[in-house]
C-alpha atoms as a PDB file:
ATOM      1  CA  MET A   1      -6.616  -3.263  34.783  1.00  0.00           C
ATOM      2  CA  SER A   2      -3.157  -2.595  33.368  1.00  0.00           C
ATOM      3  CA  LYS A   3      -1.977   0.757  32.171  1.00  0.00           C
ATOM      4  CA  GLU A   4      -1.258   0.541  28.496  1.00  0.00           C
ATOM      5  CA  THR A   5       0.849   3.247  26.882  1.00  0.00           C
ATOM      6  CA  TRP A   6       0.164   4.697  23.469  1.00  0.00           C
ATOM      7  CA  GLN A   7       3.231   2.913  22.146  1.00  0.00           C
ATOM      8  CA  ASP A   8       1.886  -0.441  23.327  1.00  0.00           C
ATOM      9  CA  PHE A   9      -1.493   0.326  21.808  1.00  0.00           C
ATOM     10  CA  PHE A  10       0.017   1.208  18.424  1.00  0.00           C
ATOM     11  CA  ALA A  11       2.374  -1.783  18.535  1.00  0.00           C
ATOM     12  CA  HIS A  12      -0.476  -4.243  19.152  1.00  0.00           C
ATOM     13  CA  ASN A  13      -2.963  -2.650  16.737  1.00  0.00           C
ATOM     14  CA  LEU A  14      -0.785  -1.325  13.913  1.00  0.00           C
ATOM     15  CA  GLY A  15      -2.367  -3.497  11.209  1.00  0.00           C
ATOM     16  CA  LYS A  16      -5.873  -2.480  12.248  1.00  0.00           C
ATOM     17  CA  LEU A  17      -4.937   1.193  12.300  1.00  0.00           C
ATOM     18  CA  ILE A  18      -3.265   1.081   8.894  1.00  0.00           C
ATOM     19  CA  GLY A  19      -6.151  -0.907   7.412  1.00  0.00           C
ATOM     20  CA  THR A  20      -8.679   1.570   8.770  1.00  0.00           C
ATOM     21  CA  ALA A  21      -6.712   4.533   7.424  1.00  0.00           C
ATOM     22  CA  VAL A  22      -6.325   2.937   3.978  1.00  0.00           C
ATOM     23  CA  GLY A  23     -10.022   2.036   3.873  1.00  0.00           C
ATOM     24  CA  LEU A  24     -11.012   5.554   4.854  1.00  0.00           C
ATOM     25  CA  LEU A  25      -8.695   7.046   2.229  1.00  0.00           C
ATOM     26  CA  LEU A  26      -9.931   4.717  -0.539  1.00  0.00           C
ATOM     27  CA  GLY A  27     -13.564   5.343   0.395  1.00  0.00           C
ATOM     28  CA  TRP A  28     -13.048   9.087   0.278  1.00  0.00           C
ATOM     29  CA  MET A  29     -11.206   8.862  -3.052  1.00  0.00           C
ATOM     30  CA  ILE A  30     -13.984   6.771  -4.618  1.00  0.00           C
ATOM     31  CA  ILE A  31     -16.630   9.249  -3.478  1.00  0.00           C
ATOM     32  CA  GLU A  32     -14.610  12.303  -4.485  1.00  0.00           C
ATOM     33  CA  TYR A  33     -13.004  11.164  -7.754  1.00  0.00           C
ATOM     34  CA  GLY A  34     -14.868   8.046  -8.881  1.00  0.00           C
ATOM     35  CA  LEU A  35     -14.027   4.381  -9.039  1.00  0.00           C
ATOM     36  CA  PHE A  36     -11.877   4.328 -12.171  1.00  0.00           C
ATOM     37  CA  LYS A  37      -9.646   7.267 -11.210  1.00  0.00           C
ATOM     38  CA  THR A  38      -9.171   5.723  -7.785  1.00  0.00           C
ATOM     39  CA  LEU A  39      -8.278   2.334  -9.303  1.00  0.00           C
ATOM     40  CA  PHE A  40      -5.773   4.084 -11.571  1.00  0.00           C
ATOM     41  CA  VAL A  41      -4.083   5.703  -8.568  1.00  0.00           C
ATOM     42  CA  VAL A  42      -4.065   2.387  -6.663  1.00  0.00           C
ATOM     43  CA  ILE A  43      -2.450   0.618  -9.636  1.00  0.00           C
ATOM     44  CA  LEU A  44       0.238   3.314  -9.844  1.00  0.00           C
ATOM     45  CA  VAL A  45       0.931   3.063  -6.108  1.00  0.00           C
ATOM     46  CA  ILE A  46       1.295  -0.727  -6.355  1.00  0.00           C
ATOM     47  CA  ALA A  47       3.600  -0.396  -9.380  1.00  0.00           C
ATOM     48  CA  GLY A  48       5.708   2.177  -7.526  1.00  0.00           C
ATOM     49  CA  TYR A  49       5.936  -0.093  -4.498  1.00  0.00           C
ATOM     50  CA  LEU A  50       7.029  -3.062  -6.605  1.00  0.00           C
ATOM     51  CA  LEU A  51       9.665  -1.026  -8.460  1.00  0.00           C
ATOM     52  CA  GLY A  52      10.962   0.408  -5.180  1.00  0.00           C
ATOM     53  CA  LYS A  53      11.099  -3.064  -3.664  1.00  0.00           C
ATOM     54  CA  GLN A  54      13.144  -4.263  -6.646  1.00  0.00           C
ATOM     55  CA  ALA A  55      15.566  -1.373  -6.239  1.00  0.00           C
ATOM     56  CA  ASP A  56      15.946  -2.123  -2.523  1.00  0.00           C
ATOM     57  CA  GLU A  57      16.673  -5.779  -3.244  1.00  0.00           C
ATOM     58  CA  GLY A  58      19.287  -4.934  -5.880  1.00  0.00           C
ATOM     59  CA  GLU A  59      17.404  -6.359  -8.870  1.00  0.00           C
ATOM     60  CA  GLU A  60      17.707  -4.796 -12.300  1.00  0.00           C
ATOM     61  CA  PRO A  61      15.045  -2.256 -13.217  1.00  0.00           C
ATOM     62  CA  GLY A  62      12.481  -3.855 -15.460  1.00  0.00           C
ATOM     63  CA  SER A  63      13.140  -7.436 -14.411  1.00  0.00           C
ATOM     64  CA  LEU A  64       9.610  -7.542 -12.969  1.00  0.00           C
ATOM     65  CA  PHE A  65       8.194  -6.728 -16.391  1.00  0.00           C
ATOM     66  CA  TYR A  66      10.323  -9.424 -18.006  1.00  0.00           C
ATOM     67  CA  ARG A  67       8.948 -11.973 -15.524  1.00  0.00           C
ATOM     68  CA  ILE A  68       5.353 -10.865 -16.128  1.00  0.00           C
ATOM     69  CA  PHE A  69       5.519 -10.642 -19.937  1.00  0.00           C
ATOM     70  CA  LYS A  70       8.011 -13.475 -20.442  1.00  0.00           C
ATOM     71  CA  ARG A  71       5.642 -15.593 -22.514  1.00  0.00           C
END
């Protein structure tokens, strides 16, 4: 049996750990605040992530909205 350090454990199981933490957080939020308030928060987090990603990539603010509502 090999000795595995905590760093190795986290490196090999990071996706599982993050997924478990997110699932636990979402489950708690749904129980505590209700489905619709939780969905609202999730939508705002996703929008914030997308806007931050655009800023990191050097795109103009709002270009995501132009692509979505271009029609």
